């Protein structure tokens, strides 16, 4: 027996997947009609390759989201599993971001300019923005923050309360707002 939270998650997932399917269909139909049917003479092999790869990537991510977020019902219609929460942070959110960037690129390259294919560089740039600091802290010294060793040296001979108060003062936690 599913509880109310699972039923809400299942309903939200179902709506999200419906919106994704409709968006996928609309964007690809518009791109196909406008770019391939009406302006075939400007549609090159490289654009065909870019469109095929990006549409394939989007479809693959869509299928991953469908398999993860589809609710499961028993034979009598009761909810067995609500599926993974598609509103969760993490990889799910990144998959949605990639799908939305792809839709933006398809629409803008169809109507405005082929230079919008460069917008795809946002994805690896953001990945590097997230991964580089994590890799630096994992590897240690290479530009990483070695405050842990400094704090241990500074805390020798001080009580826990003194160390805590110093951390709070350094953090800026003693700012008071008056009326």
N, C-alpha and C. Protein backbone atom coordinates (compact mmCIF):
# COMPACT_ATOMS: atom_id res chain seq x y z
N UNK A 1 0.84 -1.17 0.00
CA UNK A 1 0.00 0.00 0.00
C UNK A 1 0.89 1.24 0.00
N UNK A 2 0.64 2.11 -0.94
CA UNK A 2 1.45 3.31 -1.06
C UNK A 2 0.87 4.42 -0.19
N UNK A 3 1.76 5.22 0.36
CA UNK A 3 1.30 6.33 1.17
C UNK A 3 1.07 7.56 0.30
N UNK A 4 0.64 8.65 0.91
CA UNK A 4 0.29 9.86 0.16
C UNK A 4 1.50 10.46 -0.54
N UNK A 5 2.66 10.38 0.10
CA UNK A 5 3.88 10.93 -0.50
C UNK A 5 4.24 10.19 -1.79
N UNK A 6 4.10 8.88 -1.77
CA UNK A 6 4.39 8.09 -2.97
C UNK A 6 3.41 8.40 -4.09
N UNK A 7 2.16 8.62 -3.71
CA UNK A 7 1.15 8.95 -4.72
C UNK A 7 1.43 10.32 -5.33
N UNK A 8 1.88 11.29 -4.52
CA UNK A 8 2.23 12.60 -5.05
C UNK A 8 3.43 12.51 -5.97
N UNK A 9 4.43 11.72 -5.57
CA UNK A 9 5.61 11.54 -6.40
C UNK A 9 5.25 10.88 -7.72
N UNK A 10 4.39 9.88 -7.67
CA UNK A 10 3.97 9.19 -8.89
C UNK A 10 3.23 10.14 -9.82
N UNK A 11 2.34 10.97 -9.27
CA UNK A 11 1.59 11.92 -10.09
C UNK A 11 2.53 12.96 -10.70
N UNK A 12 3.48 13.46 -9.89
CA UNK A 12 4.43 14.45 -10.39
C UNK A 12 5.32 13.84 -11.48
N UNK A 13 5.77 12.61 -11.27
CA UNK A 13 6.59 11.94 -12.28
C UNK A 13 5.83 11.75 -13.58
N UNK A 14 4.58 11.34 -13.46
CA UNK A 14 3.76 11.11 -14.66
C UNK A 14 3.60 12.41 -15.44
N UNK A 15 3.35 13.51 -14.74
CA UNK A 15 3.20 14.81 -15.40
C UNK A 15 4.52 15.26 -16.02
N UNK A 16 5.61 15.08 -15.31
CA UNK A 16 6.93 15.46 -15.82
C UNK A 16 7.28 14.68 -17.08
N UNK A 17 7.01 13.38 -17.07
CA UNK A 17 7.32 12.55 -18.24
C UNK A 17 6.43 12.92 -19.43
N UNK A 18 5.18 13.27 -19.16
CA UNK A 18 4.29 13.72 -20.23
C UNK A 18 4.82 15.02 -20.84
N UNK A 19 5.23 15.95 -19.99
CA UNK A 19 5.79 17.22 -20.48
C UNK A 19 7.06 16.99 -21.28
N UNK A 20 7.92 16.10 -20.82
CA UNK A 20 9.15 15.79 -21.55
C UNK A 20 8.85 15.19 -22.93
N UNK A 21 7.92 14.26 -22.96
CA UNK A 21 7.56 13.63 -24.24
C UNK A 21 7.01 14.68 -25.21
N UNK A 22 6.10 15.52 -24.73
CA UNK A 22 5.51 16.55 -25.59
C UNK A 22 6.58 17.54 -26.07
N UNK A 23 7.47 17.95 -25.17
CA UNK A 23 8.55 18.85 -25.56
C UNK A 23 9.47 18.22 -26.58
N UNK A 24 9.82 16.97 -26.36
CA UNK A 24 10.68 16.26 -27.30
C UNK A 24 10.04 16.20 -28.69
N UNK A 25 8.76 15.87 -28.73
CA UNK A 25 8.06 15.78 -30.01
C UNK A 25 7.96 17.14 -30.70
N UNK A 26 7.57 18.17 -29.96
CA UNK A 26 7.40 19.50 -30.55
C UNK A 26 8.72 20.03 -31.09
N UNK A 27 9.77 19.98 -30.29
CA UNK A 27 11.06 20.52 -30.72
C UNK A 27 11.57 19.78 -31.95
N UNK A 28 11.50 18.47 -31.96
CA UNK A 28 12.04 17.71 -33.08
C UNK A 28 11.17 17.83 -34.33
N UNK A 29 9.88 17.93 -34.18
CA UNK A 29 9.01 18.13 -35.35
C UNK A 29 9.25 19.51 -35.94
N UNK A 30 9.34 20.53 -35.09
CA UNK A 30 9.61 21.89 -35.58
C UNK A 30 10.95 21.93 -36.29
N UNK A 31 11.97 21.35 -35.67
CA UNK A 31 13.29 21.34 -36.30
C UNK A 31 13.24 20.61 -37.63
N UNK A 32 12.64 19.45 -37.64
CA UNK A 32 12.58 18.66 -38.87
C UNK A 32 11.85 19.42 -39.97
N UNK A 33 10.69 19.96 -39.67
CA UNK A 33 9.92 20.66 -40.69
C UNK A 33 10.63 21.92 -41.17
N UNK A 34 11.08 22.73 -40.24
CA UNK A 34 11.67 24.01 -40.62
C UNK A 34 13.03 23.83 -41.29
N UNK A 35 13.88 23.06 -40.67
CA UNK A 35 15.27 22.99 -41.13
C UNK A 35 15.47 21.99 -42.26
N UNK A 36 14.81 20.85 -42.15
CA UNK A 36 15.07 19.79 -43.13
C UNK A 36 14.11 19.86 -44.31
N UNK A 37 12.85 20.11 -44.07
CA UNK A 37 11.87 20.13 -45.16
C UNK A 37 11.90 21.46 -45.91
N UNK A 38 11.75 22.58 -45.18
CA UNK A 38 11.64 23.88 -45.84
C UNK A 38 12.98 24.45 -46.28
N UNK A 39 14.04 24.20 -45.55
CA UNK A 39 15.36 24.76 -45.89
C UNK A 39 16.38 23.64 -46.10
N UNK A 40 16.03 22.67 -46.92
CA UNK A 40 16.89 21.53 -47.18
C UNK A 40 18.21 21.95 -47.79
N UNK A 41 18.21 22.97 -48.64
CA UNK A 41 19.44 23.36 -49.34
C UNK A 41 20.51 23.90 -48.38
N UNK A 42 20.14 24.32 -47.18
CA UNK A 42 21.14 24.81 -46.22
C UNK A 42 21.48 23.76 -45.16
N UNK A 43 20.90 22.58 -45.26
CA UNK A 43 21.13 21.52 -44.28
C UNK A 43 22.30 20.67 -44.75
N UNK A 44 23.47 20.82 -44.11
CA UNK A 44 24.69 20.14 -44.53
C UNK A 44 24.87 18.81 -43.79
N UNK A 45 25.87 18.06 -44.22
CA UNK A 45 26.17 16.78 -43.57
C UNK A 45 26.61 16.98 -42.12
N UNK A 46 27.38 18.03 -41.85
CA UNK A 46 27.82 18.28 -40.48
C UNK A 46 26.62 18.63 -39.58
N UNK A 47 25.67 19.37 -40.11
CA UNK A 47 24.47 19.68 -39.33
C UNK A 47 23.62 18.44 -39.11
N UNK A 48 23.59 17.57 -40.12
CA UNK A 48 22.88 16.31 -39.95
C UNK A 48 23.52 15.48 -38.85
N UNK A 49 24.85 15.43 -38.84
CA UNK A 49 25.57 14.68 -37.82
C UNK A 49 25.33 15.29 -36.43
N UNK A 50 25.43 16.62 -36.32
CA UNK A 50 25.19 17.29 -35.04
C UNK A 50 23.76 17.08 -34.55
N UNK A 51 22.81 17.20 -35.46
CA UNK A 51 21.42 17.01 -35.07
C UNK A 51 21.18 15.56 -34.65
N UNK A 52 21.71 14.61 -35.41
CA UNK A 52 21.52 13.20 -35.08
C UNK A 52 22.12 12.84 -33.73
N UNK A 53 23.34 13.32 -33.46
CA UNK A 53 23.98 13.03 -32.17
C UNK A 53 23.24 13.69 -31.01
N UNK A 54 22.85 14.94 -31.18
CA UNK A 54 22.19 15.63 -30.08
C UNK A 54 20.78 15.10 -29.85
N UNK A 55 20.06 14.79 -30.90
CA UNK A 55 18.73 14.21 -30.73
C UNK A 55 18.83 12.81 -30.13
N UNK A 56 19.85 12.04 -30.55
CA UNK A 56 20.06 10.72 -29.97
C UNK A 56 20.40 10.79 -28.49
N UNK A 57 21.24 11.74 -28.12
CA UNK A 57 21.59 11.94 -26.71
C UNK A 57 20.35 12.31 -25.91
N UNK A 58 19.56 13.22 -26.44
CA UNK A 58 18.35 13.64 -25.74
C UNK A 58 17.38 12.47 -25.59
N UNK A 59 17.22 11.68 -26.64
CA UNK A 59 16.32 10.54 -26.56
C UNK A 59 16.82 9.51 -25.55
N UNK A 60 18.14 9.29 -25.52
CA UNK A 60 18.70 8.35 -24.56
C UNK A 60 18.44 8.83 -23.12
N UNK A 61 18.68 10.11 -22.85
CA UNK A 61 18.43 10.65 -21.51
C UNK A 61 16.94 10.59 -21.17
N UNK A 62 16.09 10.85 -22.15
CA UNK A 62 14.65 10.74 -21.94
C UNK A 62 14.27 9.31 -21.55
N UNK A 63 14.83 8.33 -22.23
CA UNK A 63 14.52 6.93 -21.91
C UNK A 63 15.03 6.56 -20.51
N UNK A 64 16.17 7.08 -20.11
CA UNK A 64 16.68 6.83 -18.75
C UNK A 64 15.70 7.41 -17.73
N UNK A 65 15.24 8.63 -17.98
CA UNK A 65 14.30 9.26 -17.06
C UNK A 65 12.97 8.51 -17.01
N UNK A 66 12.52 8.02 -18.16
CA UNK A 66 11.27 7.26 -18.20
C UNK A 66 11.42 5.96 -17.41
N UNK A 67 12.52 5.26 -17.61
CA UNK A 67 12.69 3.99 -16.90
C UNK A 67 12.84 4.20 -15.40
N UNK A 68 13.44 5.32 -15.00
CA UNK A 68 13.63 5.57 -13.57
C UNK A 68 12.38 6.15 -12.91
N UNK A 69 11.61 6.94 -13.65
CA UNK A 69 10.53 7.66 -13.02
C UNK A 69 9.13 7.13 -13.25
N UNK A 70 8.99 6.08 -14.03
CA UNK A 70 7.66 5.55 -14.31
C UNK A 70 7.12 4.80 -13.09
N UNK A 71 5.94 5.17 -12.62
CA UNK A 71 5.34 4.46 -11.49
C UNK A 71 4.92 3.04 -11.89
N UNK A 72 4.93 2.13 -10.92
CA UNK A 72 4.52 0.75 -11.14
C UNK A 72 3.23 0.50 -10.37
N UNK A 73 2.27 -0.09 -11.06
CA UNK A 73 0.98 -0.39 -10.45
C UNK A 73 0.76 -1.89 -10.45
N UNK A 74 0.00 -2.38 -9.46
CA UNK A 74 -0.34 -3.80 -9.41
C UNK A 74 -1.52 -4.06 -10.33
N UNK A 75 -1.91 -5.33 -10.43
CA UNK A 75 -3.00 -5.72 -11.32
C UNK A 75 -4.33 -5.06 -10.94
N UNK A 76 -4.53 -4.81 -9.65
CA UNK A 76 -5.79 -4.20 -9.24
C UNK A 76 -5.74 -2.67 -9.26
N UNK A 77 -4.64 -2.09 -9.72
CA UNK A 77 -4.55 -0.64 -9.89
C UNK A 77 -3.94 0.12 -8.73
N UNK A 78 -3.50 -0.58 -7.71
CA UNK A 78 -2.87 0.12 -6.58
C UNK A 78 -1.40 0.39 -6.90
N UNK A 79 -0.90 1.46 -6.35
CA UNK A 79 0.47 1.88 -6.59
C UNK A 79 1.44 0.99 -5.84
N UNK A 80 2.36 0.37 -6.58
CA UNK A 80 3.38 -0.48 -5.98
C UNK A 80 4.65 0.33 -5.72
N UNK A 81 5.08 1.08 -6.74
CA UNK A 81 6.27 1.91 -6.63
C UNK A 81 6.05 3.20 -7.39
N UNK A 82 6.43 4.30 -6.79
CA UNK A 82 6.25 5.59 -7.46
C UNK A 82 7.38 5.89 -8.43
N UNK A 83 8.41 5.09 -8.45
CA UNK A 83 9.58 5.36 -9.27
C UNK A 83 10.47 6.36 -8.56
N UNK A 84 11.62 6.62 -9.14
CA UNK A 84 12.52 7.62 -8.56
C UNK A 84 11.91 9.00 -8.70
N UNK A 85 12.19 9.86 -7.74
CA UNK A 85 11.67 11.21 -7.77
C UNK A 85 12.42 12.00 -8.84
N UNK A 86 11.72 12.43 -9.88
CA UNK A 86 12.35 13.15 -10.97
C UNK A 86 12.63 14.60 -10.61
N UNK A 87 12.14 15.06 -9.47
CA UNK A 87 12.44 16.42 -9.01
C UNK A 87 13.65 16.45 -8.10
N UNK A 88 14.32 15.32 -7.95
CA UNK A 88 15.49 15.23 -7.06
C UNK A 88 16.69 15.92 -7.68
N UNK A 89 17.59 16.35 -6.83
CA UNK A 89 18.84 16.96 -7.28
C UNK A 89 19.80 15.87 -7.74
N UNK A 90 20.89 16.28 -8.32
CA UNK A 90 21.92 15.33 -8.72
C UNK A 90 21.86 15.02 -10.20
N UNK A 91 22.12 13.78 -10.54
CA UNK A 91 22.18 13.38 -11.95
C UNK A 91 20.87 13.60 -12.68
N UNK A 92 19.76 13.43 -11.98
CA UNK A 92 18.47 13.65 -12.62
C UNK A 92 18.35 15.09 -13.09
N UNK A 93 18.72 16.02 -12.24
CA UNK A 93 18.66 17.44 -12.61
C UNK A 93 19.60 17.73 -13.77
N UNK A 94 20.78 17.11 -13.79
CA UNK A 94 21.72 17.33 -14.88
C UNK A 94 21.17 16.78 -16.20
N UNK A 95 20.46 15.65 -16.13
CA UNK A 95 19.86 15.11 -17.34
C UNK A 95 18.82 16.08 -17.90
N UNK A 96 18.00 16.64 -17.03
CA UNK A 96 17.03 17.64 -17.48
C UNK A 96 17.73 18.85 -18.09
N UNK A 97 18.82 19.29 -17.48
CA UNK A 97 19.55 20.44 -18.00
C UNK A 97 20.08 20.17 -19.40
N UNK A 98 20.62 18.98 -19.61
CA UNK A 98 21.15 18.63 -20.94
C UNK A 98 20.02 18.58 -21.96
N UNK A 99 18.88 18.04 -21.57
CA UNK A 99 17.73 18.00 -22.48
C UNK A 99 17.28 19.41 -22.83
N UNK A 100 17.21 20.31 -21.85
CA UNK A 100 16.77 21.68 -22.12
C UNK A 100 17.77 22.44 -22.97
N UNK A 101 19.06 22.22 -22.74
CA UNK A 101 20.08 22.86 -23.59
C UNK A 101 19.94 22.36 -25.02
N UNK A 102 19.69 21.07 -25.18
CA UNK A 102 19.52 20.51 -26.52
C UNK A 102 18.32 21.12 -27.22
N UNK A 103 17.21 21.24 -26.52
CA UNK A 103 16.03 21.87 -27.11
C UNK A 103 16.32 23.30 -27.54
N UNK A 104 17.00 24.04 -26.67
CA UNK A 104 17.36 25.42 -27.00
C UNK A 104 18.23 25.46 -28.25
N UNK A 105 19.22 24.59 -28.33
CA UNK A 105 20.12 24.56 -29.48
C UNK A 105 19.36 24.20 -30.74
N UNK A 106 18.47 23.24 -30.67
CA UNK A 106 17.72 22.83 -31.87
C UNK A 106 16.84 23.97 -32.37
N UNK A 107 16.14 24.63 -31.48
CA UNK A 107 15.25 25.71 -31.92
C UNK A 107 16.06 26.89 -32.46
N UNK A 108 17.13 27.27 -31.77
CA UNK A 108 17.91 28.43 -32.23
C UNK A 108 18.68 28.13 -33.51
N UNK A 109 19.17 26.91 -33.69
CA UNK A 109 19.86 26.60 -34.94
C UNK A 109 18.87 26.47 -36.09
N UNK A 110 17.66 26.12 -35.81
CA UNK A 110 16.66 26.03 -36.88
C UNK A 110 16.25 27.42 -37.35
N UNK A 111 16.05 28.35 -36.42
CA UNK A 111 15.48 29.64 -36.79
C UNK A 111 16.49 30.78 -36.89
N UNK A 112 17.58 30.73 -36.13
CA UNK A 112 18.45 31.90 -36.04
C UNK A 112 19.78 31.67 -36.75
N UNK A 113 20.64 30.82 -36.20
CA UNK A 113 21.98 30.66 -36.76
C UNK A 113 22.56 29.32 -36.36
N UNK A 114 23.43 28.82 -37.22
CA UNK A 114 24.14 27.57 -36.91
C UNK A 114 25.20 27.76 -35.83
N UNK A 115 25.54 28.97 -35.53
CA UNK A 115 26.53 29.24 -34.48
C UNK A 115 26.03 28.84 -33.10
N UNK A 116 24.74 28.62 -32.95
CA UNK A 116 24.20 28.22 -31.65
C UNK A 116 24.59 26.79 -31.28
N UNK A 117 25.21 26.05 -32.21
CA UNK A 117 25.73 24.73 -31.83
C UNK A 117 26.83 24.89 -30.79
N UNK A 118 27.47 26.04 -30.75
CA UNK A 118 28.52 26.29 -29.76
C UNK A 118 27.98 26.38 -28.34
N UNK A 119 26.68 26.56 -28.19
CA UNK A 119 26.08 26.60 -26.85
C UNK A 119 26.31 25.27 -26.14
N UNK A 120 26.48 24.21 -26.90
CA UNK A 120 26.74 22.91 -26.28
C UNK A 120 28.03 22.90 -25.46
N UNK A 121 28.91 23.84 -25.68
CA UNK A 121 30.15 23.93 -24.89
C UNK A 121 29.85 24.30 -23.44
N UNK A 122 28.65 24.77 -23.17
CA UNK A 122 28.26 25.09 -21.80
C UNK A 122 28.27 23.82 -20.94
N UNK A 123 27.90 22.69 -21.51
CA UNK A 123 27.79 21.45 -20.74
C UNK A 123 29.15 20.98 -20.23
N UNK A 124 30.18 20.81 -21.08
CA UNK A 124 31.47 20.41 -20.52
C UNK A 124 32.10 21.50 -19.66
N UNK A 125 31.81 22.77 -19.96
CA UNK A 125 32.36 23.84 -19.11
C UNK A 125 31.78 23.76 -17.71
N UNK A 126 30.49 23.51 -17.61
CA UNK A 126 29.87 23.39 -16.29
C UNK A 126 30.38 22.14 -15.56
N UNK A 127 30.57 21.06 -16.31
CA UNK A 127 31.11 19.84 -15.70
C UNK A 127 32.51 20.10 -15.15
N UNK A 128 33.33 20.82 -15.90
CA UNK A 128 34.67 21.15 -15.42
C UNK A 128 34.60 22.06 -14.21
N UNK A 129 33.67 23.00 -14.22
CA UNK A 129 33.48 23.91 -13.09
C UNK A 129 33.14 23.14 -11.81
N UNK A 130 32.38 22.07 -11.94
CA UNK A 130 32.01 21.26 -10.78
C UNK A 130 33.09 20.25 -10.39
N UNK A 131 33.78 19.69 -11.37
CA UNK A 131 34.71 18.59 -11.11
C UNK A 131 36.09 19.08 -10.67
N UNK A 132 36.60 20.17 -11.23
CA UNK A 132 37.96 20.62 -10.94
C UNK A 132 38.16 20.90 -9.45
N UNK A 133 37.29 21.66 -8.77
CA UNK A 133 37.53 21.86 -7.33
C UNK A 133 37.46 20.56 -6.53
N UNK A 134 36.56 19.67 -6.94
CA UNK A 134 36.46 18.39 -6.25
C UNK A 134 37.74 17.58 -6.45
N UNK A 135 38.27 17.58 -7.66
CA UNK A 135 39.51 16.85 -7.93
C UNK A 135 40.68 17.47 -7.18
N UNK A 136 40.71 18.80 -7.10
CA UNK A 136 41.79 19.46 -6.36
C UNK A 136 41.75 19.09 -4.89
N UNK A 137 40.58 19.09 -4.31
CA UNK A 137 40.49 18.75 -2.89
C UNK A 137 40.78 17.27 -2.67
N UNK A 138 40.44 16.43 -3.63
CA UNK A 138 40.72 15.01 -3.51
C UNK A 138 42.20 14.72 -3.61
N UNK A 139 42.87 15.41 -4.55
CA UNK A 139 44.29 15.18 -4.76
C UNK A 139 45.15 15.84 -3.70
N UNK A 140 44.60 16.81 -3.00
CA UNK A 140 45.36 17.41 -1.92
C UNK A 140 45.97 18.72 -2.30
N UNK A 141 47.26 18.83 -2.26
CA UNK A 141 47.98 20.08 -2.31
C UNK A 141 47.85 20.93 -3.55
N UNK A 142 47.55 20.43 -4.71
CA UNK A 142 47.59 21.21 -5.94
C UNK A 142 46.49 22.26 -5.90
N UNK A 143 46.77 23.38 -5.32
CA UNK A 143 45.80 24.46 -5.26
C UNK A 143 44.66 24.19 -4.30
N UNK A 144 44.70 23.05 -3.64
CA UNK A 144 43.63 22.70 -2.72
C UNK A 144 43.73 23.50 -1.44
N UNK A 145 42.75 23.43 -0.64
CA UNK A 145 42.70 24.17 0.60
C UNK A 145 43.20 23.27 1.72
N UNK A 146 44.33 23.62 2.30
CA UNK A 146 44.92 22.81 3.35
C UNK A 146 44.67 23.42 4.72
N UNK A 147 43.49 23.94 4.93
CA UNK A 147 43.18 24.58 6.21
C UNK A 147 43.12 23.58 7.34
N UNK A 148 42.90 22.31 7.06
CA UNK A 148 42.79 21.30 8.11
C UNK A 148 44.07 21.21 8.93
N UNK A 149 45.23 21.20 8.27
CA UNK A 149 46.51 21.11 8.98
C UNK A 149 46.78 22.39 9.75
N UNK A 150 46.43 23.54 9.18
CA UNK A 150 46.66 24.81 9.85
C UNK A 150 45.80 24.92 11.10
N UNK A 151 44.55 24.46 11.00
CA UNK A 151 43.65 24.55 12.14
C UNK A 151 44.11 23.65 13.28
N UNK A 152 44.66 22.49 12.96
CA UNK A 152 45.16 21.59 14.01
C UNK A 152 46.32 22.23 14.75
N UNK A 153 47.24 22.89 14.01
CA UNK A 153 48.38 23.55 14.64
C UNK A 153 47.91 24.71 15.52
N UNK A 154 46.93 25.46 15.03
CA UNK A 154 46.45 26.64 15.76
C UNK A 154 45.65 26.25 17.00
N UNK A 155 45.06 25.07 16.98
CA UNK A 155 44.19 24.69 18.10
C UNK A 155 44.95 24.01 19.23
N UNK A 156 46.25 23.82 19.07
CA UNK A 156 47.03 23.20 20.15
C UNK A 156 47.06 24.14 21.36
N UNK A 157 46.68 23.63 22.50
CA UNK A 157 46.72 24.40 23.73
C UNK A 157 45.48 25.25 23.95
N UNK A 158 44.46 25.13 23.11
CA UNK A 158 43.23 25.90 23.27
C UNK A 158 42.08 24.96 23.54
N UNK A 159 41.11 25.45 24.25
CA UNK A 159 39.95 24.62 24.52
C UNK A 159 39.06 24.53 23.28
N UNK A 160 38.15 23.58 23.30
CA UNK A 160 37.24 23.41 22.17
C UNK A 160 36.39 24.65 21.98
N UNK A 161 36.00 25.26 23.09
CA UNK A 161 35.17 26.45 23.02
C UNK A 161 35.93 27.60 22.37
N UNK A 162 37.21 27.77 22.72
CA UNK A 162 38.01 28.83 22.13
C UNK A 162 38.18 28.62 20.62
N UNK A 163 38.43 27.39 20.21
CA UNK A 163 38.58 27.08 18.79
C UNK A 163 37.28 27.36 18.05
N UNK A 164 36.17 26.97 18.65
CA UNK A 164 34.86 27.19 18.04
C UNK A 164 34.57 28.68 17.89
N UNK A 165 34.88 29.46 18.90
CA UNK A 165 34.65 30.90 18.86
C UNK A 165 35.53 31.57 17.79
N UNK A 166 36.78 31.11 17.66
CA UNK A 166 37.67 31.67 16.64
C UNK A 166 37.16 31.34 15.24
N UNK A 167 36.69 30.13 15.04
CA UNK A 167 36.14 29.75 13.74
C UNK A 167 34.95 30.63 13.40
N UNK A 168 34.08 30.83 14.37
CA UNK A 168 32.89 31.65 14.17
C UNK A 168 33.28 33.09 13.85
N UNK A 169 34.31 33.61 14.53
CA UNK A 169 34.76 34.98 14.28
C UNK A 169 35.37 35.11 12.89
N UNK A 170 36.15 34.11 12.47
CA UNK A 170 36.75 34.14 11.15
C UNK A 170 35.72 33.99 10.05
N UNK A 171 34.66 33.29 10.34
CA UNK A 171 33.60 33.04 9.36
C UNK A 171 32.75 34.28 9.17
N UNK A 172 32.75 35.16 10.13
CA UNK A 172 31.92 36.35 10.03
C UNK A 172 30.58 36.14 10.71
N UNK A 173 30.52 35.21 11.61
CA UNK A 173 29.26 34.88 12.26
C UNK A 173 28.86 35.84 13.36
N UNK A 174 29.72 36.83 13.67
CA UNK A 174 29.39 37.73 14.75
C UNK A 174 28.79 39.04 14.27
N UNK A 175 28.29 39.08 13.05
CA UNK A 175 27.64 40.28 12.52
C UNK A 175 26.25 40.36 13.11
N UNK A 176 25.96 41.51 13.69
CA UNK A 176 24.64 41.70 14.31
C UNK A 176 23.92 42.81 13.58
N UNK A 177 22.66 42.62 13.40
CA UNK A 177 21.82 43.61 12.72
C UNK A 177 20.94 44.26 13.77
N UNK A 178 20.91 45.56 13.73
CA UNK A 178 20.09 46.31 14.68
C UNK A 178 18.83 46.83 14.02
N UNK A 179 17.91 47.23 14.86
CA UNK A 179 16.67 47.80 14.33
C UNK A 179 16.72 49.28 14.34
